[in-house]
Every structure is written in structure tokens, then in C-alpha cells.
């Protein structure tokens, strides 16, 4: 999955999860979206979770969504970051998807909006 967005903007994304070509038969305990500059970094720059509602299942079985909020990226430098989505069921990691997010330049910064 590749995400290109202006830093400080709102970016809503959906993704579909299949197991053997079908929506998952059993629900996930948790799904994590973790964004870092490097996989070696200990601290996440952005993290979304199924368990706290920042990742949620849509009305379509197997389709999940999340939003990258303006405050998630407003203070980050422009450039490329890596992320992964990890899917857990019964306490075990079931699947990992890796992607990239690119933050592009912006002219109307978050603090300029609504002024």
C-alpha cells in the first residue's frame, strides 16, 4: 500500500483483508498501523489500532478504514516513511502488510486553517 499526502491534511483510507479469497471468518483481536521513519526506530510516529477505534471495520465484511488526522503529520518533516499493518487473532500475529507513506509540501498549514 502506498500513501502520498500533503503533510497536515486529512487522509482517509480503506483496505480489504481476505483469507483464502474471502473476508475473514473470525474477527481480529487487533490490527495495528504503525508509521516510523525507519524500522529500527523504537517509537512510532503514528499508530492506529482496531482496539481503540482508530481503525474500524466498515459495513462491508473484511473492509477496514482509518484516518490520518492533520495533527498526526503536521509536525513531521516532508519525506518518506515506512509503515506496516499487523493483524492479530487469538494473541498471534496472522498477517503483516508493509507500505510507504510520502508527506508532500503544503502551503496552507494546519494552523492557518480556520483563521
PDB file of N, CA and C in Angstrom:
ATOM      1  N   UNK A   1       0.853  -1.165   0.000  1.00  0.00           N
ATOM      2  CA  UNK A   1       0.000   0.000   0.000  1.00  0.00           C
ATOM      3  C   UNK A   1       0.903   1.232   0.000  1.00  0.00           C
ATOM      4  N   UNK A   2       0.606   2.164  -0.850  1.00  0.00           N
ATOM      5  CA  UNK A   2       1.344   3.417  -0.944  1.00  0.00           C
ATOM      6  C   UNK A   2       0.386   4.567  -0.658  1.00  0.00           C
ATOM      7  N   UNK A   3       0.813   5.483   0.194  1.00  0.00           N
ATOM      8  CA  UNK A   3       0.019   6.667   0.513  1.00  0.00           C
ATOM      9  C   UNK A   3       0.878   7.884   0.220  1.00  0.00           C
ATOM     10  N   UNK A   4       0.360   8.798  -0.588  1.00  0.00           N
ATOM     11  CA  UNK A   4       1.009  10.080  -0.845  1.00  0.00           C
ATOM     12  C   UNK A   4       0.000  11.137  -0.418  1.00  0.00           C
ATOM     13  N   UNK A   5       0.431  12.014   0.491  1.00  0.00           N
ATOM     14  CA  UNK A   5      -0.499  13.021   1.002  1.00  0.00           C
ATOM     15  C   UNK A   5       0.261  14.285   1.392  1.00  0.00           C
ATOM     16  N   UNK A   6      -0.441  15.396   1.388  1.00  0.00           N
ATOM     17  CA  UNK A   6       0.147  16.644   1.864  1.00  0.00           C
ATOM     18  C   UNK A   6       0.245  16.590   3.385  1.00  0.00           C
ATOM     19  N   UNK A   7       1.387  16.959   3.895  1.00  0.00           N
ATOM     20  CA  UNK A   7       1.575  16.984   5.344  1.00  0.00           C
ATOM     21  C   UNK A   7       0.525  17.892   5.972  1.00  0.00           C
ATOM     22  N   UNK A   8      -0.082  17.435   7.058  1.00  0.00           N
ATOM     23  CA  UNK A   8      -1.066  18.233   7.767  1.00  0.00           C
ATOM     24  C   UNK A   8      -2.477  18.132   7.230  1.00  0.00           C
ATOM     25  N   UNK A   9      -2.702  17.323   6.198  1.00  0.00           N
ATOM     26  CA  UNK A   9      -4.046  17.127   5.667  1.00  0.00           C
ATOM     27  C   UNK A   9      -4.698  15.903   6.302  1.00  0.00           C
ATOM     28  N   UNK A  10      -5.982  15.739   6.038  1.00  0.00           N
ATOM     29  CA  UNK A  10      -6.725  14.555   6.452  1.00  0.00           C
ATOM     30  C   UNK A  10      -6.685  13.555   5.304  1.00  0.00           C
ATOM     31  N   UNK A  11      -6.332  12.321   5.595  1.00  0.00           N
ATOM     32  CA  UNK A  11      -6.275  11.266   4.579  1.00  0.00           C
ATOM     33  C   UNK A  11      -7.034  10.056   5.117  1.00  0.00           C
ATOM     34  N   UNK A  12      -8.154   9.738   4.489  1.00  0.00           N
ATOM     35  CA  UNK A  12      -8.943   8.573   4.868  1.00  0.00           C
ATOM     36  C   UNK A  12      -8.623   7.430   3.907  1.00  0.00           C
ATOM     37  N   UNK A  13      -8.404   6.247   4.452  1.00  0.00           N
ATOM     38  CA  UNK A  13      -8.061   5.078   3.640  1.00  0.00           C
ATOM     39  C   UNK A  13      -8.870   3.869   4.077  1.00  0.00           C
ATOM     40  N   UNK A  14      -9.169   3.024   3.106  1.00  0.00           N
ATOM     41  CA  UNK A  14      -9.773   1.726   3.399  1.00  0.00           C
ATOM     42  C   UNK A  14      -8.844   0.657   2.861  1.00  0.00           C
ATOM     43  N   UNK A  15      -8.945  -0.534   3.441  1.00  0.00           N
ATOM     44  CA  UNK A  15      -8.195  -1.677   2.946  1.00  0.00           C
ATOM     45  C   UNK A  15      -9.028  -2.927   3.163  1.00  0.00           C
ATOM     46  N   UNK A  16      -8.837  -3.881   2.283  1.00  0.00           N
ATOM     47  CA  UNK A  16      -9.603  -5.124   2.310  1.00  0.00           C
ATOM     48  C   UNK A  16      -8.699  -6.252   2.771  1.00  0.00           C
ATOM     49  N   UNK A  17      -9.212  -7.062   3.680  1.00  0.00           N
ATOM     50  CA  UNK A  17      -8.485  -8.219   4.191  1.00  0.00           C
ATOM     51  C   UNK A  17      -9.228  -9.473   3.739  1.00  0.00           C
ATOM     52  N   UNK A  18      -8.479 -10.387   3.122  1.00  0.00           N
ATOM     53  CA  UNK A  18      -9.069 -11.664   2.731  1.00  0.00           C
ATOM     54  C   UNK A  18      -8.231 -12.807   3.288  1.00  0.00           C
ATOM     55  N   UNK A  19      -8.898 -13.898   3.514  1.00  0.00           N
ATOM     56  CA  UNK A  19      -8.240 -15.140   3.905  1.00  0.00           C
ATOM     57  C   UNK A  19      -8.811 -16.219   2.995  1.00  0.00           C
ATOM     58  N   UNK A  20      -7.935 -16.807   2.207  1.00  0.00           N
ATOM     59  CA  UNK A  20      -8.356 -17.777   1.199  1.00  0.00           C
ATOM     60  C   UNK A  20      -9.377 -17.181   0.228  1.00  0.00           C
ATOM     61  N   UNK A  21      -9.162 -15.906  -0.129  1.00  0.00           N
ATOM     62  CA  UNK A  21     -10.002 -15.247  -1.118  1.00  0.00           C
ATOM     63  C   UNK A  21     -11.345 -14.755  -0.607  1.00  0.00           C
ATOM     64  N   UNK A  22     -11.573 -14.840   0.699  1.00  0.00           N
ATOM     65  CA  UNK A  22     -12.856 -14.421   1.278  1.00  0.00           C
ATOM     66  C   UNK A  22     -12.603 -13.495   2.464  1.00  0.00           C
ATOM     67  N   UNK A  23     -13.648 -12.748   2.870  1.00  0.00           N
ATOM     68  CA  UNK A  23     -13.496 -11.967   4.107  1.00  0.00           C
ATOM     69  C   UNK A  23     -13.190 -12.900   5.275  1.00  0.00           C
ATOM     70  N   UNK A  24     -12.457 -12.436   6.266  1.00  0.00           N
ATOM     71  CA  UNK A  24     -12.106 -13.290   7.400  1.00  0.00           C
ATOM     72  C   UNK A  24     -13.350 -13.869   8.068  1.00  0.00           C
ATOM     73  N   UNK A  25     -13.303 -15.166   8.370  1.00  0.00           N
ATOM     74  CA  UNK A  25     -14.429 -15.834   9.026  1.00  0.00           C
ATOM     75  C   UNK A  25     -14.477 -15.483  10.513  1.00  0.00           C
ATOM     76  N   UNK A  26     -13.325 -15.226  11.101  1.00  0.00           N
ATOM     77  CA  UNK A  26     -13.228 -14.892  12.520  1.00  0.00           C
ATOM     78  C   UNK A  26     -12.714 -13.460  12.657  1.00  0.00           C
ATOM     79  N   UNK A  27     -13.217 -12.719  13.631  1.00  0.00           N
ATOM     80  CA  UNK A  27     -12.747 -11.345  13.805  1.00  0.00           C
ATOM     81  C   UNK A  27     -11.309 -11.299  14.309  1.00  0.00           C
ATOM     82  N   UNK A  28     -10.663 -10.177  14.073  1.00  0.00           N
ATOM     83  CA  UNK A  28      -9.316  -9.957  14.582  1.00  0.00           C
ATOM     84  C   UNK A  28      -9.402  -9.388  15.996  1.00  0.00           C
ATOM     85  N   UNK A  29      -8.445  -9.782  16.848  1.00  0.00           N
ATOM     86  CA  UNK A  29      -8.342  -9.200  18.189  1.00  0.00           C
ATOM     87  C   UNK A  29      -7.861  -7.758  18.084  1.00  0.00           C
ATOM     88  N   UNK A  30      -6.928  -7.549  17.175  1.00  0.00           N
ATOM     89  CA  UNK A  30      -6.388  -6.216  16.986  1.00  0.00           C
ATOM     90  C   UNK A  30      -5.734  -6.106  15.617  1.00  0.00           C
ATOM     91  N   UNK A  31      -5.703  -4.901  15.118  1.00  0.00           N
ATOM     92  CA  UNK A  31      -4.957  -4.538  13.909  1.00  0.00           C
ATOM     93  C   UNK A  31      -4.181  -3.284  14.283  1.00  0.00           C
ATOM     94  N   UNK A  32      -2.890  -3.270  13.968  1.00  0.00           N
ATOM     95  CA  UNK A  32      -2.042  -2.108  14.229  1.00  0.00           C
ATOM     96  C   UNK A  32      -1.559  -1.534  12.912  1.00  0.00           C
ATOM     97  N   UNK A  33      -1.653  -0.221  12.765  1.00  0.00           N
ATOM     98  CA  UNK A  33      -0.969   0.521  11.711  1.00  0.00           C
ATOM     99  C   UNK A  33       0.108   1.318  12.434  1.00  0.00           C
ATOM    100  N   UNK A  34       1.374   1.074  12.114  1.00  0.00           N
ATOM    101  CA  UNK A  34       2.482   1.746  12.776  1.00  0.00           C
ATOM    102  C   UNK A  34       3.352   2.417  11.724  1.00  0.00           C
ATOM    103  N   UNK A  35       3.555   3.732  11.880  1.00  0.00           N
ATOM    104  CA  UNK A  35       4.368   4.526  10.958  1.00  0.00           C
ATOM    105  C   UNK A  35       5.645   4.946  11.679  1.00  0.00           C
ATOM    106  N   UNK A  36       6.786   4.711  11.009  1.00  0.00           N
ATOM    107  CA  UNK A  36       8.091   5.110  11.536  1.00  0.00           C
ATOM    108  C   UNK A  36       8.959   5.627  10.391  1.00  0.00           C
ATOM    109  N   UNK A  37       9.987   6.370  10.736  1.00  0.00           N
ATOM    110  CA  UNK A  37      10.958   6.811   9.737  1.00  0.00           C
ATOM    111  C   UNK A  37      11.779   5.611   9.281  1.00  0.00           C
ATOM    112  N   UNK A  38      12.137   4.731  10.227  1.00  0.00           N
ATOM    113  CA  UNK A  38      12.936   3.543   9.948  1.00  0.00           C
ATOM    114  C   UNK A  38      12.402   2.392  10.789  1.00  0.00           C
ATOM    115  N   UNK A  39      12.476   1.152  10.281  1.00  0.00           N
ATOM    116  CA  UNK A  39      12.033   0.013  11.085  1.00  0.00           C
ATOM    117  C   UNK A  39      12.838  -0.150  12.376  1.00  0.00           C
ATOM    118  N   UNK A  40      14.033   0.432  12.421  1.00  0.00           N
ATOM    119  CA  UNK A  40      14.883   0.327  13.610  1.00  0.00           C
ATOM    120  C   UNK A  40      14.461   1.287  14.724  1.00  0.00           C
ATOM    121  N   UNK A  41      13.657   2.292  14.393  1.00  0.00           N
ATOM    122  CA  UNK A  41      13.200   3.254  15.403  1.00  0.00           C
ATOM    123  C   UNK A  41      12.327   2.546  16.433  1.00  0.00           C
ATOM    124  N   UNK A  42      12.496   2.921  17.698  1.00  0.00           N
ATOM    125  CA  UNK A  42      11.708   2.294  18.758  1.00  0.00           C
ATOM    126  C   UNK A  42      10.322   2.928  18.881  1.00  0.00           C
ATOM    127  N   UNK A  43      10.237   4.226  18.702  1.00  0.00           N
ATOM    128  CA  UNK A  43       8.975   4.939  18.886  1.00  0.00           C
ATOM    129  C   UNK A  43       8.234   5.098  17.561  1.00  0.00           C
ATOM    130  N   UNK A  44       6.938   4.861  17.612  1.00  0.00           N
ATOM    131  CA  UNK A  44       6.084   5.084  16.437  1.00  0.00           C
ATOM    132  C   UNK A  44       5.800   6.579  16.307  1.00  0.00           C
ATOM    133  N   UNK A  45       5.798   7.073  15.067  1.00  0.00           N
ATOM    134  CA  UNK A  45       5.402   8.452  14.806  1.00  0.00           C
ATOM    135  C   UNK A  45       3.886   8.567  14.764  1.00  0.00           C
ATOM    136  N   UNK A  46       3.250   7.540  14.204  1.00  0.00           N
ATOM    137  CA  UNK A  46       1.794   7.456  14.129  1.00  0.00           C
ATOM    138  C   UNK A  46       1.425   6.005  14.420  1.00  0.00           C
ATOM    139  N   UNK A  47       0.385   5.798  15.208  1.00  0.00           N
ATOM    140  CA  UNK A  47      -0.115   4.443  15.389  1.00  0.00           C
ATOM    141  C   UNK A  47      -1.637   4.482  15.499  1.00  0.00           C
ATOM    142  N   UNK A  48      -2.278   3.627  14.739  1.00  0.00           N
ATOM    143  CA  UNK A  48      -3.726   3.445  14.758  1.00  0.00           C
ATOM    144  C   UNK A  48      -3.990   2.002  15.151  1.00  0.00           C
ATOM    145  N   UNK A  49      -5.124   1.760  15.867  1.00  0.00           N
ATOM    146  CA  UNK A  49      -5.417   0.422  16.369  1.00  0.00           C
ATOM    147  C   UNK A  49      -6.902   0.110  16.242  1.00  0.00           C
ATOM    148  N   UNK A  50      -7.178  -1.136  15.949  1.00  0.00           N
ATOM    149  CA  UNK A  50      -8.557  -1.607  15.967  1.00  0.00           C
ATOM    150  C   UNK A  50      -9.110  -1.515  17.389  1.00  0.00           C
ATOM    151  N   UNK A  51      -8.291  -1.841  18.382  1.00  0.00           N
ATOM    152  CA  UNK A  51      -8.745  -1.897  19.771  1.00  0.00           C
ATOM    153  C   UNK A  51      -9.162  -0.537  20.343  1.00  0.00           C
ATOM    154  N   UNK A  52      -8.651   0.568  19.772  1.00  0.00           N
ATOM    155  CA  UNK A  52      -9.059   1.877  20.290  1.00  0.00           C
ATOM    156  C   UNK A  52      -9.976   2.631  19.320  1.00  0.00           C
ATOM    157  N   UNK A  53     -10.393   1.953  18.238  1.00  0.00           N
ATOM    158  CA  UNK A  53     -11.342   2.549  17.302  1.00  0.00           C
ATOM    159  C   UNK A  53     -10.732   3.441  16.251  1.00  0.00           C
ATOM    160  N   UNK A  54      -9.401   3.616  16.245  1.00  0.00           N
ATOM    161  CA  UNK A  54      -8.786   4.443  15.207  1.00  0.00           C
ATOM    162  C   UNK A  54      -8.613   3.670  13.903  1.00  0.00           C
ATOM    163  N   UNK A  55      -8.784   2.354  13.955  1.00  0.00           N
ATOM    164  CA  UNK A  55      -9.024   1.508  12.786  1.00  0.00           C
ATOM    165  C   UNK A  55     -10.371   0.862  13.056  1.00  0.00           C
ATOM    166  N   UNK A  56     -11.224   0.806  12.056  1.00  0.00           N
ATOM    167  CA  UNK A  56     -12.551   0.243  12.264  1.00  0.00           C
ATOM    168  C   UNK A  56     -13.000  -0.535  11.036  1.00  0.00           C
ATOM    169  N   UNK A  57     -13.865  -1.515  11.277  1.00  0.00           N
ATOM    170  CA  UNK A  57     -14.421  -2.291  10.168  1.00  0.00           C
ATOM    171  C   UNK A  57     -15.613  -1.535   9.609  1.00  0.00           C
ATOM    172  N   UNK A  58     -15.686  -1.454   8.297  1.00  0.00           N
ATOM    173  CA  UNK A  58     -16.794  -0.768   7.649  1.00  0.00           C
ATOM    174  C   UNK A  58     -17.993  -1.717   7.585  1.00  0.00           C
ATOM    175  N   UNK A  59     -19.044  -1.292   6.931  1.00  0.00           N
ATOM    176  CA  UNK A  59     -20.232  -2.131   6.782  1.00  0.00           C
ATOM    177  C   UNK A  59     -19.993  -3.313   5.843  1.00  0.00           C
ATOM    178  N   UNK A  60     -18.933  -3.258   5.054  1.00  0.00           N
ATOM    179  CA  UNK A  60     -18.592  -4.346   4.139  1.00  0.00           C
ATOM    180  C   UNK A  60     -17.629  -5.299   4.833  1.00  0.00           C
ATOM    181  N   UNK A  61     -18.008  -6.548   4.943  1.00  0.00           N
ATOM    182  CA  UNK A  61     -17.187  -7.544   5.649  1.00  0.00           C
ATOM    183  C   UNK A  61     -15.773  -7.586   5.077  1.00  0.00           C
ATOM    184  N   UNK A  62     -14.801  -7.567   5.961  1.00  0.00           N
ATOM    185  CA  UNK A  62     -13.401  -7.642   5.553  1.00  0.00           C
ATOM    186  C   UNK A  62     -12.799  -6.326   5.113  1.00  0.00           C
ATOM    187  N   UNK A  63     -13.577  -5.245   5.129  1.00  0.00           N
ATOM    188  CA  UNK A  63     -13.072  -3.934   4.736  1.00  0.00           C
ATOM    189  C   UNK A  63     -12.925  -3.070   5.980  1.00  0.00           C
ATOM    190  N   UNK A  64     -11.724  -2.537   6.155  1.00  0.00           N
ATOM    191  CA  UNK A  64     -11.400  -1.725   7.315  1.00  0.00           C
ATOM    192  C   UNK A  64     -10.990  -0.334   6.845  1.00  0.00           C
ATOM    193  N   UNK A  65     -11.042   0.630   7.764  1.00  0.00           N
ATOM    194  CA  UNK A  65     -10.702   2.008   7.418  1.00  0.00           C
ATOM    195  C   UNK A  65      -9.940   2.663   8.567  1.00  0.00           C
ATOM    196  N   UNK A  66      -9.193   3.696   8.223  1.00  0.00           N
ATOM    197  CA  UNK A  66      -8.522   4.542   9.203  1.00  0.00           C
ATOM    198  C   UNK A  66      -8.361   5.919   8.600  1.00  0.00           C
ATOM    199  N   UNK A  67      -8.112   6.889   9.453  1.00  0.00           N
ATOM    200  CA  UNK A  67      -7.858   8.255   9.007  1.00  0.00           C
ATOM    201  C   UNK A  67      -6.542   8.733   9.587  1.00  0.00           C
ATOM    202  N   UNK A  68      -5.719   9.323   8.746  1.00  0.00           N
ATOM    203  CA  UNK A  68      -4.536  10.027   9.219  1.00  0.00           C
ATOM    204  C   UNK A  68      -4.989  11.473   9.395  1.00  0.00           C
ATOM    205  N   UNK A  69      -5.011  11.902  10.642  1.00  0.00           N
ATOM    206  CA  UNK A  69      -5.512  13.229  11.003  1.00  0.00           C
ATOM    207  C   UNK A  69      -4.440  14.289  10.753  1.00  0.00           C
ATOM    208  N   UNK A  70      -4.847  15.550  10.553  1.00  0.00           N
ATOM    209  CA  UNK A  70      -3.856  16.612  10.341  1.00  0.00           C
ATOM    210  C   UNK A  70      -2.792  16.667  11.437  1.00  0.00           C
ATOM    211  N   UNK A  71      -3.196  16.498  12.691  1.00  0.00           N
ATOM    212  CA  UNK A  71      -2.229  16.576  13.781  1.00  0.00           C
ATOM    213  C   UNK A  71      -1.260  15.396  13.806  1.00  0.00           C
ATOM    214  N   UNK A  72      -1.588  14.300  13.117  1.00  0.00           N
ATOM    215  CA  UNK A  72      -0.675  13.153  13.036  1.00  0.00           C
ATOM    216  C   UNK A  72       0.596  13.497  12.259  1.00  0.00           C
ATOM    217  N   UNK A  73       0.476  14.358  11.247  1.00  0.00           N
ATOM    218  CA  UNK A  73       1.612  14.631  10.358  1.00  0.00           C
ATOM    219  C   UNK A  73       2.086  16.077  10.390  1.00  0.00           C
ATOM    220  N   UNK A  74       1.339  16.954  11.014  1.00  0.00           N
ATOM    221  CA  UNK A  74       1.631  18.392  10.951  1.00  0.00           C
ATOM    222  C   UNK A  74       3.057  18.738  11.370  1.00  0.00           C
ATOM    223  N   UNK A  75       3.611  18.060  12.359  1.00  0.00           N
ATOM    224  CA  UNK A  75       4.950  18.376  12.828  1.00  0.00           C
ATOM    225  C   UNK A  75       6.052  17.518  12.234  1.00  0.00           C
ATOM    226  N   UNK A  76       5.716  16.624  11.317  1.00  0.00           N
ATOM    227  CA  UNK A  76       6.725  15.735  10.731  1.00  0.00           C
ATOM    228  C   UNK A  76       7.408  16.392   9.533  1.00  0.00           C
ATOM    229  N   UNK A  77       8.686  16.110   9.314  1.00  0.00           N
ATOM    230  CA  UNK A  77       9.353  16.606   8.113  1.00  0.00           C
ATOM    231  C   UNK A  77       8.757  15.981   6.846  1.00  0.00           C
ATOM    232  N   UNK A  78       8.815  16.714   5.746  1.00  0.00           N
ATOM    233  CA  UNK A  78       8.412  16.157   4.455  1.00  0.00           C
ATOM    234  C   UNK A  78       9.292  14.943   4.161  1.00  0.00           C
ATOM    235  N   UNK A  79       8.774  14.004   3.393  1.00  0.00           N
ATOM    236  CA  UNK A  79       9.593  12.869   3.005  1.00  0.00           C
ATOM    237  C   UNK A  79       8.859  11.553   3.123  1.00  0.00           C
ATOM    238  N   UNK A  80       9.643  10.468   3.032  1.00  0.00           N
ATOM    239  CA  UNK A  80       9.088   9.118   3.033  1.00  0.00           C
ATOM    240  C   UNK A  80       9.232   8.459   4.398  1.00  0.00           C
ATOM    241  N   UNK A  81       8.205   7.710   4.742  1.00  0.00           N
ATOM    242  CA  UNK A  81       8.165   6.935   5.980  1.00  0.00           C
ATOM    243  C   UNK A  81       7.682   5.537   5.631  1.00  0.00           C
ATOM    244  N   UNK A  82       8.023   4.593   6.459  1.00  0.00           N
ATOM    245  CA  UNK A  82       7.526   3.236   6.275  1.00  0.00           C
ATOM    246  C   UNK A  82       6.423   2.944   7.267  1.00  0.00           C
ATOM    247  N   UNK A  83       5.569   1.985   6.923  1.00  0.00           N
ATOM    248  CA  UNK A  83       4.550   1.549   7.864  1.00  0.00           C
ATOM    249  C   UNK A  83       4.251   0.083   7.639  1.00  0.00           C
ATOM    250  N   UNK A  84       3.654  -0.514   8.644  1.00  0.00           N
ATOM    251  CA  UNK A  84       3.104  -1.846   8.456  1.00  0.00           C
ATOM    252  C   UNK A  84       1.743  -1.931   9.117  1.00  0.00           C
ATOM    253  N   UNK A  85       0.972  -2.862   8.598  1.00  0.00           N
ATOM    254  CA  UNK A  85      -0.307  -3.250   9.186  1.00  0.00           C
ATOM    255  C   UNK A  85      -0.107  -4.664   9.706  1.00  0.00           C
ATOM    256  N   UNK A  86      -0.371  -4.875  10.987  1.00  0.00           N
ATOM    257  CA  UNK A  86      -0.252  -6.204  11.567  1.00  0.00           C
ATOM    258  C   UNK A  86      -1.615  -6.638  12.091  1.00  0.00           C
ATOM    259  N   UNK A  87      -1.966  -7.871  11.781  1.00  0.00           N
ATOM    260  CA  UNK A  87      -3.275  -8.427  12.114  1.00  0.00           C
ATOM    261  C   UNK A  87      -3.105  -9.546  13.137  1.00  0.00           C
ATOM    262  N   UNK A  88      -3.790  -9.421  14.280  1.00  0.00           N
ATOM    263  CA  UNK A  88      -3.690 -10.406  15.354  1.00  0.00           C
ATOM    264  C   UNK A  88      -5.033 -11.087  15.606  1.00  0.00           C
ATOM    265  N   UNK A  89      -4.950 -12.384  15.843  1.00  0.00           N
ATOM    266  CA  UNK A  89      -6.122 -13.170  16.234  1.00  0.00           C
ATOM    267  C   UNK A  89      -5.651 -14.204  17.244  1.00  0.00           C
ATOM    268  N   UNK A  90      -6.406 -14.366  18.317  1.00  0.00           N
ATOM    269  CA  UNK A  90      -6.071 -15.325  19.379  1.00  0.00           C
ATOM    270  C   UNK A  90      -4.661 -15.095  19.913  1.00  0.00           C
ATOM    271  N   UNK A  91      -4.258 -13.823  19.981  1.00  0.00           N
ATOM    272  CA  UNK A  91      -2.958 -13.487  20.530  1.00  0.00           C
ATOM    273  C   UNK A  91      -1.770 -13.729  19.623  1.00  0.00           C
ATOM    274  N   UNK A  92      -2.022 -14.166  18.387  1.00  0.00           N
ATOM    275  CA  UNK A  92      -0.930 -14.470  17.459  1.00  0.00           C
ATOM    276  C   UNK A  92      -0.988 -13.565  16.240  1.00  0.00           C
ATOM    277  N   UNK A  93       0.193 -13.196  15.744  1.00  0.00           N
ATOM    278  CA  UNK A  93       0.286 -12.425  14.514  1.00  0.00           C
ATOM    279  C   UNK A  93      -0.128 -13.315  13.351  1.00  0.00           C
ATOM    280  N   UNK A  94      -1.107 -12.876  12.578  1.00  0.00           N
ATOM    281  CA  UNK A  94      -1.617 -13.665  11.459  1.00  0.00           C
ATOM    282  C   UNK A  94      -1.134 -13.161  10.099  1.00  0.00           C
ATOM    283  N   UNK A  95      -0.862 -11.855  10.000  1.00  0.00           N
ATOM    284  CA  UNK A  95      -0.518 -11.310   8.693  1.00  0.00           C
ATOM    285  C   UNK A  95       0.130  -9.948   8.891  1.00  0.00           C
ATOM    286  N   UNK A  96       1.095  -9.610   8.027  1.00  0.00           N
ATOM    287  CA  UNK A  96       1.723  -8.294   8.029  1.00  0.00           C
ATOM    288  C   UNK A  96       1.739  -7.761   6.600  1.00  0.00           C
ATOM    289  N   UNK A  97       1.356  -6.504   6.442  1.00  0.00           N
ATOM    290  CA  UNK A  97       1.406  -5.813   5.156  1.00  0.00           C
ATOM    291  C   UNK A  97       2.291  -4.590   5.352  1.00  0.00           C
ATOM    292  N   UNK A  98       3.250  -4.386   4.457  1.00  0.00           N
ATOM    293  CA  UNK A  98       4.197  -3.277   4.566  1.00  0.00           C
ATOM    294  C   UNK A  98       3.902  -2.263   3.469  1.00  0.00           C
ATOM    295  N   UNK A  99       4.078  -0.976   3.803  1.00  0.00           N
ATOM    296  CA  UNK A  99       3.837   0.067   2.815  1.00  0.00           C
ATOM    297  C   UNK A  99       4.689   1.291   3.071  1.00  0.00           C
ATOM    298  N   UNK A 100       4.464   2.321   2.269  1.00  0.00           N
ATOM    299  CA  UNK A 100       5.189   3.589   2.379  1.00  0.00           C
ATOM    300  C   UNK A 100       4.179   4.728   2.407  1.00  0.00           C
ATOM    301  N   UNK A 101       4.530   5.752   3.154  1.00  0.00           N
ATOM    302  CA  UNK A 101       3.750   6.988   3.152  1.00  0.00           C
ATOM    303  C   UNK A 101       4.706   8.129   2.819  1.00  0.00           C
ATOM    304  N   UNK A 102       4.314   8.968   1.891  1.00  0.00           N
ATOM    305  CA  UNK A 102       5.119  10.118   1.495  1.00  0.00           C
ATOM    306  C   UNK A 102       4.352  11.382   1.861  1.00  0.00           C
ATOM    307  N   UNK A 103       4.994  12.242   2.639  1.00  0.00           N
ATOM    308  CA  UNK A 103       4.398  13.523   3.007  1.00  0.00           C
ATOM    309  C   UNK A 103       4.961  14.595   2.083  1.00  0.00           C
ATOM    310  N   UNK A 104       4.073  15.230   1.342  1.00  0.00           N
ATOM    311  CA  UNK A 104       4.474  16.245   0.375  1.00  0.00           C
ATOM    312  C   UNK A 104       4.296  17.641   0.971  1.00  0.00           C
ATOM    313  N   UNK A 105       4.827  18.636   0.267  1.00  0.00           N
ATOM    314  CA  UNK A 105       4.734  20.019   0.712  1.00  0.00           C
ATOM    315  C   UNK A 105       3.293  20.495   0.729  1.00  0.00           C
ATOM    316  N   UNK A 106       3.085  21.508   1.541  1.00  0.00           N
ATOM    317  CA  UNK A 106       1.784  22.141   1.661  1.00  0.00           C
ATOM    318  C   UNK A 106       2.002  23.647   1.784  1.00  0.00           C
ATOM    319  N   UNK A 107       0.990  24.412   1.489  1.00  0.00           N
ATOM    320  CA  UNK A 107       1.087  25.857   1.627  1.00  0.00           C
ATOM    321  C   UNK A 107       0.161  26.389   2.705  1.00  0.00           C
ATOM    322  N   UNK A 108      -0.990  25.762   2.864  1.00  0.00           N
ATOM    323  CA  UNK A 108      -1.897  26.125   3.950  1.00  0.00           C
ATOM    324  C   UNK A 108      -1.658  25.139   5.073  1.00  0.00           C
ATOM    325  N   UNK A 109      -0.938  25.565   6.080  1.00  0.00           N
ATOM    326  CA  UNK A 109      -0.625  24.704   7.212  1.00  0.00           C
ATOM    327  C   UNK A 109      -1.837  24.568   8.126  1.00  0.00           C
ATOM    328  N   UNK A 110      -1.812  23.532   8.934  1.00  0.00           N
ATOM    329  CA  UNK A 110      -2.929  23.246   9.846  1.00  0.00           C
ATOM    330  C   UNK A 110      -3.279  24.477  10.682  1.00  0.00           C
ATOM    331  N   UNK A 111      -2.280  25.214  11.154  1.00  0.00           N
ATOM    332  CA  UNK A 111      -2.558  26.380  11.989  1.00  0.00           C
ATOM    333  C   UNK A 111      -3.103  27.559  11.177  1.00  0.00           C
ATOM    334  N   UNK A 112      -3.063  27.523   9.840  1.00  0.00           N
ATOM    335  CA  UNK A 112      -3.631  28.571   9.005  1.00  0.00           C
ATOM    336  C   UNK A 112      -5.110  28.333   8.724  1.00  0.00           C
ATOM    337  N   UNK A 113      -5.573  27.122   8.932  1.00  0.00           N
ATOM    338  CA  UNK A 113      -6.953  26.785   8.614  1.00  0.00           C
ATOM    339  C   UNK A 113      -7.887  27.320   9.689  1.00  0.00           C
ATOM    340  N   UNK A 114      -8.988  27.844   9.246  1.00  0.00           N
ATOM    341  CA  UNK A 114      -9.984  28.359  10.172  1.00  0.00           C
ATOM    342  C   UNK A 114      -9.679  29.749  10.715  1.00  0.00           C
ATOM    343  N   UNK A 115      -8.625  30.369  10.206  1.00  0.00           N
ATOM    344  CA  UNK A 115      -8.280  31.707  10.703  1.00  0.00           C
ATOM    345  C   UNK A 115      -9.123  32.764  10.041  1.00  0.00           C
TER     346      UNK A 115
END
